[in-house]
Amino acid sequence: MNAQRERALVGLFVLVAAGLLVLTLVSLSGVFERGEPVYRAYFKNAGGLAPGSQVRYAGGPPVGRVISVRMDPQNPARLQIEFRVERRVPVKTDSRVKIASLSPLSDNFLGIVAGSDSAPRAPSGSVLASEKYVSFDDLEAQIGDLAPQASKLVGNLNARAADLQGTIQRVNALLDARNRANIAASLASARGMLAEDRPPLHAALNNLSQSSAKLGPLLDDFKNSVKQANVALSHIDSTVTENRADLRASVEQMRAALTSASALAGQLNEMVNANADDLSDVIQNVRDITINLKAFTETIRNRPSAIIRTSAPADRVPGQVPKHPN
């Protein structure tokens, strides 16, 4: 009886294990995921991904599986990766795909980078843009390419270190005992000069402070003067604005008067130019008449009798009696 029970339990265990195995195989084959969208992406390096690798959205929990990894028929230099995701995952037309890992020691997975809110959802069968995958081999190659440059940099650093050492030696030579004594003497002299000039400096600073204090009222007066000037200019502006018509009329009259004066001056100039010769004769005649009148005046003054006598009397001599004719 016990043997039959054990055989029954063993048979039941075998059936359960076989069922679980079948379910696992069916699940991995994607029979239950036929309604989920499928997308493609292309990489030059698949990073060890294989069918069944996890697909994560924004680094979260798994939301799908890789279906296949095969060579691109159109471009043998890259690999085509097909993957399936759950319908609830918002894969957009501008979403990107990358190969990543949660830690340096964990397996790689296919990560989906979220797209923008305004972009529409990508239909099943769409090709999503991919980000370049940098493997450890690529990093080693880049480090190998940097090795010559690093060696050159180290050589330059050694050369600069040697130069710096020489500079330090020269500075130590400059700071020997004699130079340090000279520097100490110079500092002592400077300290003495400061001690001697401290009272004058203090007085100068006090005077400067007093002058600065006096500048305040002066600036206030200047500000008041500026305000008064602004007020006066405002009054002048308003006066000019009010009397603008009268001022314009006065300016027009002044302009007309200046025009008339200019015309009159022009006429006088033309008259003088036309009668220049006659005026010269007239002026000469006036000059001659003036000379004659002057001579006549002198004659009348010295000999007034010349007006009524034709002959001039004898000159009178003081102290003599004039002789009368018989």
C-alpha atoms as a PDB file:
ATOM      1  CA  MET A   1       0.000   0.000   0.000  1.00  0.00           C
ATOM      2  CA  ASN A   2       2.768   2.373   0.883  1.00  0.00           C
ATOM      3  CA  ALA A   3       4.618   1.500  -2.335  1.00  0.00           C
ATOM      4  CA  GLN A   4       1.593   2.356  -4.439  1.00  0.00           C
ATOM      5  CA  ARG A   5       1.202   5.690  -2.633  1.00  0.00           C
ATOM      6  CA  GLU A   6       4.816   6.556  -3.252  1.00  0.00           C
ATOM      7  CA  ARG A   7       4.449   5.665  -6.939  1.00  0.00           C
ATOM      8  CA  ALA A   8       1.366   7.883  -7.169  1.00  0.00           C
ATOM      9  CA  LEU A   9       3.143  10.820  -5.510  1.00  0.00           C
ATOM     10  CA  VAL A  10       6.143  10.414  -7.799  1.00  0.00           C
ATOM     11  CA  GLY A  11       3.888  10.295 -10.865  1.00  0.00           C
ATOM     12  CA  LEU A  12       2.006  13.399  -9.690  1.00  0.00           C
ATOM     13  CA  PHE A  13       5.286  15.243  -9.130  1.00  0.00           C
ATOM     14  CA  VAL A  14       6.474  14.300 -12.627  1.00  0.00           C
ATOM     15  CA  LEU A  15       3.222  15.524 -14.172  1.00  0.00           C
ATOM     16  CA  VAL A  16       3.388  18.838 -12.301  1.00  0.00           C
ATOM     17  CA  ALA A  17       7.007  19.366 -13.288  1.00  0.00           C
ATOM     18  CA  ALA A  18       6.247  18.575 -16.918  1.00  0.00           C
ATOM     19  CA  GLY A  19       3.323  21.011 -16.891  1.00  0.00           C
ATOM     20  CA  LEU A  20       5.459  23.748 -15.430  1.00  0.00           C
ATOM     21  CA  LEU A  21       8.130  23.071 -18.034  1.00  0.00           C
ATOM     22  CA  VAL A  22       5.597  23.282 -20.835  1.00  0.00           C
ATOM     23  CA  LEU A  23       4.149  26.504 -19.448  1.00  0.00           C
ATOM     24  CA  THR A  24       7.640  27.988 -19.183  1.00  0.00           C
ATOM     25  CA  LEU A  25       8.468  27.056 -22.761  1.00  0.00           C
ATOM     26  CA  VAL A  26       5.174  28.413 -24.010  1.00  0.00           C
ATOM     27  CA  SER A  27       5.677  31.634 -22.052  1.00  0.00           C
ATOM     28  CA  LEU A  28       9.168  32.079 -23.436  1.00  0.00           C
ATOM     29  CA  SER A  29       7.911  31.436 -26.957  1.00  0.00           C
ATOM     30  CA  GLY A  30       5.464  34.333 -26.629  1.00  0.00           C
ATOM     31  CA  VAL A  31       2.312  32.416 -27.330  1.00  0.00           C
ATOM     32  CA  PHE A  32       0.471  34.374 -24.610  1.00  0.00           C
ATOM     33  CA  GLU A  33       1.860  37.696 -25.794  1.00  0.00           C
ATOM     34  CA  ARG A  34       0.623  37.778 -29.330  1.00  0.00           C
ATOM     35  CA  GLY A  35      -1.479  40.884 -28.687  1.00  0.00           C
ATOM     36  CA  GLU A  36       1.439  42.998 -27.346  1.00  0.00           C
ATOM     37  CA  PRO A  37       3.182  45.525 -29.658  1.00  0.00           C
ATOM     38  CA  VAL A  38       6.546  44.650 -31.158  1.00  0.00           C
ATOM     39  CA  TYR A  39       9.271  47.197 -31.950  1.00  0.00           C
ATOM     40  CA  ARG A  40      12.690  47.107 -33.573  1.00  0.00           C
ATOM     41  CA  ALA A  41      15.960  48.866 -32.921  1.00  0.00           C
ATOM     42  CA  TYR A  42      19.411  48.655 -34.487  1.00  0.00           C
ATOM     43  CA  PHE A  43      22.765  48.591 -32.708  1.00  0.00           C
ATOM     44  CA  LYS A  44      26.357  48.111 -33.833  1.00  0.00           C
ATOM     45  CA  ASN A  45      26.966  46.205 -30.589  1.00  0.00           C
ATOM     46  CA  ALA A  46      24.180  44.198 -28.941  1.00  0.00           C
ATOM     47  CA  GLY A  47      25.969  44.192 -25.572  1.00  0.00           C
ATOM     48  CA  GLY A  48      25.275  40.491 -24.923  1.00  0.00           C
ATOM     49  CA  LEU A  49      21.500  40.749 -25.335  1.00  0.00           C
ATOM     50  CA  ALA A  50      19.746  37.528 -26.375  1.00  0.00           C
ATOM     51  CA  PRO A  51      16.173  36.367 -26.812  1.00  0.00           C
ATOM     52  CA  GLY A  52      14.474  36.511 -23.446  1.00  0.00           C
ATOM     53  CA  SER A  53      16.532  39.470 -22.135  1.00  0.00           C
ATOM     54  CA  GLN A  54      14.579  41.989 -20.092  1.00  0.00           C
ATOM     55  CA  VAL A  55      13.114  45.215 -21.474  1.00  0.00           C
ATOM     56  CA  ARG A  56      12.725  48.057 -18.942  1.00  0.00           C
ATOM     57  CA  TYR A  57      10.992  51.409 -19.294  1.00  0.00           C
ATOM     58  CA  ALA A  58      12.897  54.391 -17.823  1.00  0.00           C
ATOM     59  CA  GLY A  59      14.958  52.057 -15.616  1.00  0.00           C
ATOM     60  CA  GLY A  60      11.881  50.622 -13.936  1.00  0.00           C
ATOM     61  CA  PRO A  61      10.721  47.000 -13.570  1.00  0.00           C
ATOM     62  CA  PRO A  62      10.652  44.686 -16.595  1.00  0.00           C
ATOM     63  CA  VAL A  63       7.854  45.489 -19.042  1.00  0.00           C
ATOM     64  CA  GLY A  64       8.808  43.146 -21.898  1.00  0.00           C
ATOM     65  CA  ARG A  65      11.254  40.703 -23.429  1.00  0.00           C
ATOM     66  CA  VAL A  66      13.664  40.593 -26.332  1.00  0.00           C
ATOM     67  CA  ILE A  67      12.268  38.397 -29.099  1.00  0.00           C
ATOM     68  CA  SER A  68      15.228  38.067 -31.418  1.00  0.00           C
ATOM     69  CA  VAL A  69      18.741  39.385 -32.038  1.00  0.00           C
ATOM     70  CA  ARG A  70      19.972  38.880 -35.575  1.00  0.00           C
ATOM     71  CA  MET A  71      22.090  40.570 -38.223  1.00  0.00           C
ATOM     72  CA  ASP A  72      20.445  43.309 -40.239  1.00  0.00           C
ATOM     73  CA  PRO A  73      19.915  42.011 -43.785  1.00  0.00           C
ATOM     74  CA  GLN A  74      20.333  45.498 -45.223  1.00  0.00           C
ATOM     75  CA  ASN A  75      23.477  46.400 -43.254  1.00  0.00           C
ATOM     76  CA  PRO A  76      25.697  43.585 -41.936  1.00  0.00           C
ATOM     77  CA  ALA A  77      27.606  46.102 -39.767  1.00  0.00           C
ATOM     78  CA  ARG A  78      24.698  46.330 -37.317  1.00  0.00           C
ATOM     79  CA  LEU A  79      22.310  44.058 -35.423  1.00  0.00           C
ATOM     80  CA  GLN A  80      18.532  44.110 -35.441  1.00  0.00           C
ATOM     81  CA  ILE A  81      16.845  43.617 -32.091  1.00  0.00           C
ATOM     82  CA  GLU A  82      13.128  42.899 -31.914  1.00  0.00           C
ATOM     83  CA  PHE A  83      11.400  43.230 -28.567  1.00  0.00           C
ATOM     84  CA  ARG A  84       7.919  43.064 -27.163  1.00  0.00           C
ATOM     85  CA  VAL A  85       6.463  45.357 -24.462  1.00  0.00           C
ATOM     86  CA  GLU A  86       3.222  45.500 -22.565  1.00  0.00           C
ATOM     87  CA  ARG A  87       0.386  47.544 -24.006  1.00  0.00           C
ATOM     88  CA  ARG A  88       0.310  49.874 -20.985  1.00  0.00           C
ATOM     89  CA  VAL A  89       3.844  51.089 -21.690  1.00  0.00           C
ATOM     90  CA  PRO A  90       3.647  54.546 -23.368  1.00  0.00           C
ATOM     91  CA  VAL A  91       6.160  54.047 -26.170  1.00  0.00           C
ATOM     92  CA  LYS A  92       6.170  57.296 -28.249  1.00  0.00           C
ATOM     93  CA  THR A  93       7.461  57.962 -31.733  1.00  0.00           C
ATOM     94  CA  ASP A  94      10.365  59.979 -30.264  1.00  0.00           C
ATOM     95  CA  SER A  95      11.240  57.390 -27.595  1.00  0.00           C
ATOM     96  CA  ARG A  96      14.784  56.040 -27.747  1.00  0.00           C
ATOM     97  CA  VAL A  97      16.238  52.629 -26.967  1.00  0.00           C
ATOM     98  CA  LYS A  98      19.559  51.955 -25.246  1.00  0.00           C
ATOM     99  CA  ILE A  99      21.496  49.040 -23.771  1.00  0.00           C
ATOM    100  CA  ALA A 100      22.130  49.516 -20.049  1.00  0.00           C
ATOM    101  CA  SER A 101      22.672  47.663 -16.788  1.00  0.00           C
ATOM    102  CA  LEU A 102      21.688  48.278 -13.188  1.00  0.00           C
ATOM    103  CA  SER A 103      25.249  47.715 -11.911  1.00  0.00           C
ATOM    104  CA  PRO A 104      28.683  46.900 -13.357  1.00  0.00           C
ATOM    105  CA  LEU A 105      28.226  43.207 -12.452  1.00  0.00           C
ATOM    106  CA  SER A 106      24.606  42.778 -13.552  1.00  0.00           C
ATOM    107  CA  ASP A 107      23.387  41.642 -16.951  1.00  0.00           C
ATOM    108  CA  ASN A 108      22.538  44.145 -19.615  1.00  0.00           C
ATOM    109  CA  PHE A 109      18.926  44.902 -20.468  1.00  0.00           C
ATOM    110  CA  LEU A 110      17.182  46.868 -23.190  1.00  0.00           C
ATOM    111  CA  GLY A 111      16.037  50.206 -21.800  1.00  0.00           C
ATOM    112  CA  ILE A 112      13.363  52.460 -23.284  1.00  0.00           C
ATOM    113  CA  VAL A 113      13.837  56.223 -22.761  1.00  0.00           C
ATOM    114  CA  ALA A 114      10.527  58.057 -22.355  1.00  0.00           C
ATOM    115  CA  GLY A 115       9.422  60.340 -25.168  1.00  0.00           C
ATOM    116  CA  SER A 116       7.723  63.737 -25.032  1.00  0.00           C
ATOM    117  CA  ASP A 117       4.123  64.174 -23.896  1.00  0.00           C
ATOM    118  CA  SER A 118       3.029  65.737 -27.184  1.00  0.00           C
ATOM    119  CA  ALA A 119       4.382  62.895 -29.352  1.00  0.00           C
ATOM    120  CA  PRO A 120       1.924  60.198 -30.476  1.00  0.00           C
ATOM    121  CA  ARG A 121       2.265  56.566 -29.475  1.00  0.00           C
ATOM    122  CA  ALA A 122       4.417  54.442 -31.753  1.00  0.00           C
ATOM    123  CA  PRO A 123       2.449  51.751 -33.574  1.00  0.00           C
ATOM    124  CA  SER A 124       3.503  48.121 -33.426  1.00  0.00           C
ATOM    125  CA  GLY A 125       6.324  47.340 -35.847  1.00  0.00           C
ATOM    126  CA  SER A 126       7.902  50.791 -35.581  1.00  0.00           C
ATOM    127  CA  VAL A 127      11.644  51.290 -35.589  1.00  0.00           C
ATOM    128  CA  LEU A 128      12.803  53.272 -32.543  1.00  0.00           C
ATOM    129  CA  ALA A 129      15.928  55.389 -32.499  1.00  0.00           C
ATOM    130  CA  SER A 130      18.820  53.868 -30.573  1.00  0.00           C
ATOM    131  CA  GLU A 131      21.668  55.311 -28.522  1.00  0.00           C
ATOM    132  CA  LYS A 132      25.200  54.118 -29.142  1.00  0.00           C
ATOM    133  CA  TYR A 133      26.290  51.403 -26.726  1.00  0.00           C
ATOM    134  CA  VAL A 134      29.794  51.733 -25.324  1.00  0.00           C
ATOM    135  CA  SER A 135      31.134  48.387 -24.165  1.00  0.00           C
ATOM    136  CA  PHE A 136      34.178  47.652 -22.032  1.00  0.00           C
ATOM    137  CA  ASP A 137      36.074  46.799 -25.202  1.00  0.00           C
ATOM    138  CA  ASP A 138      35.317  50.254 -26.565  1.00  0.00           C
ATOM    139  CA  LEU A 139      36.477  51.817 -23.310  1.00  0.00           C
ATOM    140  CA  GLU A 140      39.694  49.810 -23.443  1.00  0.00           C
ATOM    141  CA  ALA A 141      40.266  50.915 -27.040  1.00  0.00           C
ATOM    142  CA  GLN A 142      39.714  54.557 -26.089  1.00  0.00           C
ATOM    143  CA  ILE A 143      42.064  54.184 -23.129  1.00  0.00           C
ATOM    144  CA  GLY A 144      44.623  52.592 -25.447  1.00  0.00           C
ATOM    145  CA  ASP A 145      44.290  55.524 -27.834  1.00  0.00           C
ATOM    146  CA  LEU A 146      44.826  57.907 -24.906  1.00  0.00           C
ATOM    147  CA  ALA A 147      47.988  56.108 -23.751  1.00  0.00           C
ATOM    148  CA  PRO A 148      50.383  57.971 -26.126  1.00  0.00           C
ATOM    149  CA  GLN A 149      48.845  61.280 -25.197  1.00  0.00           C
ATOM    150  CA  ALA A 150      49.070  60.384 -21.509  1.00  0.00           C
ATOM    151  CA  SER A 151      52.735  59.509 -21.932  1.00  0.00           C
ATOM    152  CA  LYS A 152      53.368  62.819 -23.666  1.00  0.00           C
ATOM    153  CA  LEU A 153      51.502  64.639 -20.909  1.00  0.00           C
ATOM    154  CA  VAL A 154      53.545  62.890 -18.227  1.00  0.00           C
ATOM    155  CA  GLY A 155      56.737  63.871 -20.059  1.00  0.00           C
ATOM    156  CA  ASN A 156      55.594  67.502 -20.169  1.00  0.00           C
ATOM    157  CA  LEU A 157      54.746  67.376 -16.464  1.00  0.00           C
ATOM    158  CA  ASN A 158      58.202  66.021 -15.673  1.00  0.00           C
ATOM    159  CA  ALA A 159      59.796  68.810 -17.711  1.00  0.00           C
ATOM    160  CA  ARG A 160      57.673  71.422 -15.943  1.00  0.00           C
ATOM    161  CA  ALA A 161      58.551  69.879 -12.587  1.00  0.00           C
ATOM    162  CA  ALA A 162      62.244  70.189 -13.440  1.00  0.00           C
ATOM    163  CA  ASP A 163      61.736  73.830 -14.438  1.00  0.00           C
ATOM    164  CA  LEU A 164      59.829  74.456 -11.228  1.00  0.00           C
ATOM    165  CA  GLN A 165      62.619  72.915  -9.210  1.00  0.00           C
ATOM    166  CA  GLY A 166      65.141  75.211 -10.906  1.00  0.00           C
ATOM    167  CA  THR A 167      62.913  78.202 -10.180  1.00  0.00           C
ATOM    168  CA  ILE A 168      62.672  77.211  -6.520  1.00  0.00           C
ATOM    169  CA  GLN A 169      66.447  76.940  -6.344  1.00  0.00           C
ATOM    170  CA  ARG A 170      66.838  80.421  -7.834  1.00  0.00           C
ATOM    171  CA  VAL A 171      64.298  81.816  -5.360  1.00  0.00           C
ATOM    172  CA  ASN A 172      66.206  80.188  -2.494  1.00  0.00           C
ATOM    173  CA  ALA A 173      69.415  81.728  -3.838  1.00  0.00           C
ATOM    174  CA  LEU A 174      67.752  85.151  -3.898  1.00  0.00           C
ATOM    175  CA  LEU A 175      66.527  84.692  -0.329  1.00  0.00           C
ATOM    176  CA  ASP A 176      69.919  84.024   1.203  1.00  0.00           C
ATOM    177  CA  ALA A 177      71.030  85.514   4.528  1.00  0.00           C
ATOM    178  CA  ARG A 178      72.340  88.777   3.002  1.00  0.00           C
ATOM    179  CA  ASN A 179      69.192  89.420   0.977  1.00  0.00           C
ATOM    180  CA  ARG A 180      67.016  88.601   3.957  1.00  0.00           C
ATOM    181  CA  ALA A 181      68.978  91.116   6.017  1.00  0.00           C
ATOM    182  CA  ASN A 182      68.507  93.743   3.281  1.00  0.00           C
ATOM    183  CA  ILE A 183      64.782  93.045   3.152  1.00  0.00           C
ATOM    184  CA  ALA A 184      64.552  93.293   6.931  1.00  0.00           C
ATOM    185  CA  ALA A 185      66.431  96.637   6.851  1.00  0.00           C
ATOM    186  CA  SER A 186      64.093  97.938   4.117  1.00  0.00           C
ATOM    187  CA  LEU A 187      61.057  96.936   6.136  1.00  0.00           C
ATOM    188  CA  ALA A 188      62.494  98.619   9.214  1.00  0.00           C
ATOM    189  CA  SER A 189      63.115 101.822   7.215  1.00  0.00           C
ATOM    190  CA  ALA A 190      59.585 101.730   5.838  1.00  0.00           C
ATOM    191  CA  ARG A 191      58.230 101.213   9.351  1.00  0.00           C
ATOM    192  CA  GLY A 192      60.248 104.178  10.594  1.00  0.00           C
ATOM    193  CA  MET A 193      59.030 106.394   7.744  1.00  0.00           C
ATOM    194  CA  LEU A 194      55.459 105.449   8.532  1.00  0.00           C
ATOM    195  CA  ALA A 195      56.004 106.217  12.210  1.00  0.00           C
ATOM    196  CA  GLU A 196      57.460 109.667  11.357  1.00  0.00           C
ATOM    197  CA  ASP A 197      54.783 110.536   8.807  1.00  0.00           C
ATOM    198  CA  ARG A 198      51.873 109.261  10.857  1.00  0.00           C
ATOM    199  CA  PRO A 199      50.917 112.645  12.413  1.00  0.00           C
ATOM    200  CA  PRO A 200      50.934 114.500   9.050  1.00  0.00           C
ATOM    201  CA  LEU A 201      48.985 111.654   7.483  1.00  0.00           C
ATOM    202  CA  HIS A 202      46.511 111.748  10.352  1.00  0.00           C
ATOM    203  CA  ALA A 203      46.135 115.520   9.966  1.00  0.00           C
ATOM    204  CA  ALA A 204      45.682 115.170   6.198  1.00  0.00           C
ATOM    205  CA  LEU A 205      43.014 112.537   6.726  1.00  0.00           C
ATOM    206  CA  ASN A 206      41.254 114.788   9.239  1.00  0.00           C
ATOM    207  CA  ASN A 207      41.348 117.685   6.776  1.00  0.00           C
ATOM    208  CA  LEU A 208      39.993 115.399   4.090  1.00  0.00           C
ATOM    209  CA  SER A 209      37.182 114.313   6.397  1.00  0.00           C
ATOM    210  CA  GLN A 210      36.339 117.938   7.219  1.00  0.00           C
ATOM    211  CA  SER A 211      36.357 118.845   3.533  1.00  0.00           C
ATOM    212  CA  SER A 212      34.115 115.914   2.781  1.00  0.00           C
ATOM    213  CA  ALA A 213      31.748 117.059   5.524  1.00  0.00           C
ATOM    214  CA  LYS A 214      31.666 120.562   3.997  1.00  0.00           C
ATOM    215  CA  LEU A 215      30.905 119.171   0.584  1.00  0.00           C
ATOM    216  CA  GLY A 216      27.499 118.008   1.773  1.00  0.00           C
ATOM    217  CA  PRO A 217      25.968 121.498   2.279  1.00  0.00           C
ATOM    218  CA  LEU A 218      27.661 122.672  -0.923  1.00  0.00           C
ATOM    219  CA  LEU A 219      26.060 119.859  -2.862  1.00  0.00           C
ATOM    220  CA  ASP A 220      22.711 120.660  -1.252  1.00  0.00           C
ATOM    221  CA  ASP A 221      23.052 124.309  -2.325  1.00  0.00           C
ATOM    222  CA  PHE A 222      23.978 123.187  -5.816  1.00  0.00           C
ATOM    223  CA  LYS A 223      20.925 120.921  -5.942  1.00  0.00           C
ATOM    224  CA  ASN A 224      18.721 123.817  -4.810  1.00  0.00           C
ATOM    225  CA  SER A 225      20.243 126.058  -7.476  1.00  0.00           C
ATOM    226  CA  VAL A 226      19.573 123.400 -10.083  1.00  0.00           C
ATOM    227  CA  LYS A 227      15.970 123.128  -8.924  1.00  0.00           C
ATOM    228  CA  GLN A 228      15.547 126.920  -9.084  1.00  0.00           C
ATOM    229  CA  ALA A 229      17.101 126.951 -12.556  1.00  0.00           C
ATOM    230  CA  ASN A 230      14.682 124.241 -13.638  1.00  0.00           C
ATOM    231  CA  VAL A 231      11.759 126.262 -12.262  1.00  0.00           C
ATOM    232  CA  ALA A 232      12.991 129.408 -14.050  1.00  0.00           C
ATOM    233  CA  LEU A 233      13.394 127.491 -17.300  1.00  0.00           C
ATOM    234  CA  SER A 234       9.883 126.116 -16.867  1.00  0.00           C
ATOM    235  CA  HIS A 235       8.524 129.674 -16.423  1.00  0.00           C
ATOM    236  CA  ILE A 236      10.476 130.879 -19.454  1.00  0.00           C
ATOM    237  CA  ASP A 237       9.218 127.948 -21.461  1.00  0.00           C
ATOM    238  CA  SER A 238       5.623 128.619 -20.459  1.00  0.00           C
ATOM    239  CA  THR A 239       6.030 132.348 -21.218  1.00  0.00           C
ATOM    240  CA  VAL A 240       7.492 131.633 -24.628  1.00  0.00           C
ATOM    241  CA  THR A 241       4.730 129.135 -25.277  1.00  0.00           C
ATOM    242  CA  GLU A 242       2.027 131.638 -24.295  1.00  0.00           C
ATOM    243  CA  ASN A 243       3.533 134.547 -26.316  1.00  0.00           C
ATOM    244  CA  ARG A 244       4.696 132.475 -29.250  1.00  0.00           C
ATOM    245  CA  ALA A 245       2.348 134.215 -31.709  1.00  0.00           C
ATOM    246  CA  ASP A 246       3.437 137.734 -30.602  1.00  0.00           C
ATOM    247  CA  LEU A 247       7.099 136.756 -30.717  1.00  0.00           C
ATOM    248  CA  ARG A 248       6.647 135.317 -34.176  1.00  0.00           C
ATOM    249  CA  ALA A 249       4.935 138.530 -35.374  1.00  0.00           C
ATOM    250  CA  SER A 250       7.743 140.637 -33.853  1.00  0.00           C
ATOM    251  CA  VAL A 251      10.352 138.485 -35.530  1.00  0.00           C
ATOM    252  CA  GLU A 252       8.532 138.843 -38.870  1.00  0.00           C
ATOM    253  CA  GLN A 253       8.415 142.653 -38.461  1.00  0.00           C
ATOM    254  CA  MET A 254      12.091 142.733 -37.520  1.00  0.00           C
ATOM    255  CA  ARG A 255      12.914 140.598 -40.550  1.00  0.00           C
ATOM    256  CA  ALA A 256      10.915 142.992 -42.789  1.00  0.00           C
ATOM    257  CA  ALA A 257      12.706 145.999 -41.260  1.00  0.00           C
ATOM    258  CA  LEU A 258      16.092 144.374 -41.826  1.00  0.00           C
ATOM    259  CA  THR A 259      15.110 143.647 -45.420  1.00  0.00           C
ATOM    260  CA  SER A 260      14.089 147.301 -45.972  1.00  0.00           C
ATOM    261  CA  ALA A 261      17.310 148.525 -44.338  1.00  0.00           C
ATOM    262  CA  SER A 262      19.342 146.238 -46.562  1.00  0.00           C
ATOM    263  CA  ALA A 263      17.511 147.531 -49.655  1.00  0.00           C
ATOM    264  CA  LEU A 264      18.067 151.171 -48.568  1.00  0.00           C
ATOM    265  CA  ALA A 265      21.751 150.514 -47.897  1.00  0.00           C
ATOM    266  CA  GLY A 266      22.024 148.981 -51.341  1.00  0.00           C
ATOM    267  CA  GLN A 267      20.385 152.013 -52.960  1.00  0.00           C
ATOM    268  CA  LEU A 268      22.678 154.399 -51.056  1.00  0.00           C
ATOM    269  CA  ASN A 269      25.676 152.356 -52.114  1.00  0.00           C
ATOM    270  CA  GLU A 270      24.568 152.492 -55.755  1.00  0.00           C
ATOM    271  CA  MET A 271      23.966 156.282 -55.497  1.00  0.00           C
ATOM    272  CA  VAL A 272      27.393 156.853 -53.980  1.00  0.00           C
ATOM    273  CA  ASN A 273      29.046 154.724 -56.652  1.00  0.00           C
ATOM    274  CA  ALA A 274      27.184 156.565 -59.447  1.00  0.00           C
ATOM    275  CA  ASN A 275      28.007 160.083 -58.113  1.00  0.00           C
ATOM    276  CA  ALA A 276      31.496 159.377 -56.833  1.00  0.00           C
ATOM    277  CA  ASP A 277      33.163 161.903 -59.220  1.00  0.00           C
ATOM    278  CA  ASP A 278      30.600 164.687 -58.567  1.00  0.00           C
ATOM    279  CA  LEU A 279      30.923 164.156 -54.867  1.00  0.00           C
ATOM    280  CA  SER A 280      34.702 164.502 -55.152  1.00  0.00           C
ATOM    281  CA  ASP A 281      34.283 167.866 -56.966  1.00  0.00           C
ATOM    282  CA  VAL A 282      31.726 169.057 -54.464  1.00  0.00           C
ATOM    283  CA  ILE A 283      33.969 168.080 -51.560  1.00  0.00           C
ATOM    284  CA  GLN A 284      36.921 169.928 -53.190  1.00  0.00           C
ATOM    285  CA  ASN A 285      34.759 173.046 -53.717  1.00  0.00           C
ATOM    286  CA  VAL A 286      33.580 172.888 -50.118  1.00  0.00           C
ATOM    287  CA  ARG A 287      37.204 172.592 -49.037  1.00  0.00           C
ATOM    288  CA  ASP A 288      38.197 175.682 -51.134  1.00  0.00           C
ATOM    289  CA  ILE A 289      35.249 177.684 -49.824  1.00  0.00           C
ATOM    290  CA  THR A 290      36.215 176.734 -46.291  1.00  0.00           C
ATOM    291  CA  ILE A 291      39.785 177.965 -46.898  1.00  0.00           C
ATOM    292  CA  ASN A 292      38.508 181.256 -48.375  1.00  0.00           C
ATOM    293  CA  LEU A 293      36.101 181.792 -45.514  1.00  0.00           C
ATOM    294  CA  LYS A 294      38.904 181.172 -43.066  1.00  0.00           C
ATOM    295  CA  ALA A 295      41.132 183.722 -44.793  1.00  0.00           C
ATOM    296  CA  PHE A 296      38.258 186.267 -44.909  1.00  0.00           C
ATOM    297  CA  THR A 297      37.583 185.721 -41.253  1.00  0.00           C
ATOM    298  CA  GLU A 298      41.229 186.368 -40.393  1.00  0.00           C
ATOM    299  CA  THR A 299      41.159 189.553 -42.472  1.00  0.00           C
ATOM    300  CA  ILE A 300      38.021 190.844 -40.749  1.00  0.00           C
ATOM    301  CA  ARG A 301      39.477 190.038 -37.373  1.00  0.00           C
ATOM    302  CA  ASN A 302      42.779 191.867 -38.037  1.00  0.00           C
ATOM    303  CA  ARG A 303      41.510 194.712 -40.228  1.00  0.00           C
ATOM    304  CA  PRO A 304      37.802 195.277 -39.836  1.00  0.00           C
ATOM    305  CA  SER A 305      38.151 198.613 -41.770  1.00  0.00           C
ATOM    306  CA  ALA A 306      38.859 196.661 -44.876  1.00  0.00           C
ATOM    307  CA  ILE A 307      35.140 196.200 -45.221  1.00  0.00           C
ATOM    308  CA  ILE A 308      34.521 199.974 -45.805  1.00  0.00           C
ATOM    309  CA  ARG A 309      37.921 201.185 -47.013  1.00  0.00           C
ATOM    310  CA  THR A 310      39.661 200.432 -50.185  1.00  0.00           C
ATOM    311  CA  SER A 311      43.125 201.279 -48.874  1.00  0.00           C
ATOM    312  CA  ALA A 312      44.449 200.022 -45.658  1.00  0.00           C
ATOM    313  CA  PRO A 313      45.437 202.631 -42.955  1.00  0.00           C
ATOM    314  CA  ALA A 314      48.923 202.776 -41.567  1.00  0.00           C
ATOM    315  CA  ASP A 315      49.648 200.453 -38.869  1.00  0.00           C
ATOM    316  CA  ARG A 316      49.316 201.932 -35.416  1.00  0.00           C
ATOM    317  CA  VAL A 317      52.333 202.073 -33.212  1.00  0.00           C
ATOM    318  CA  PRO A 318      51.694 202.105 -29.479  1.00  0.00           C
ATOM    319  CA  GLY A 319      52.705 205.464 -27.799  1.00  0.00           C
ATOM    320  CA  GLN A 320      52.514 207.543 -30.975  1.00  0.00           C
ATOM    321  CA  VAL A 321      49.894 210.110 -31.712  1.00  0.00           C
ATOM    322  CA  PRO A 322      48.334 209.624 -35.051  1.00  0.00           C
ATOM    323  CA  LYS A 323      48.854 212.341 -37.556  1.00  0.00           C
ATOM    324  CA  HIS A 324      45.799 213.975 -39.002  1.00  0.00           C
ATOM    325  CA  PRO A 325      46.000 215.460 -42.453  1.00  0.00           C
ATOM    326  CA  ASN A 326      45.763 219.254 -42.782  1.00  0.00           C
END
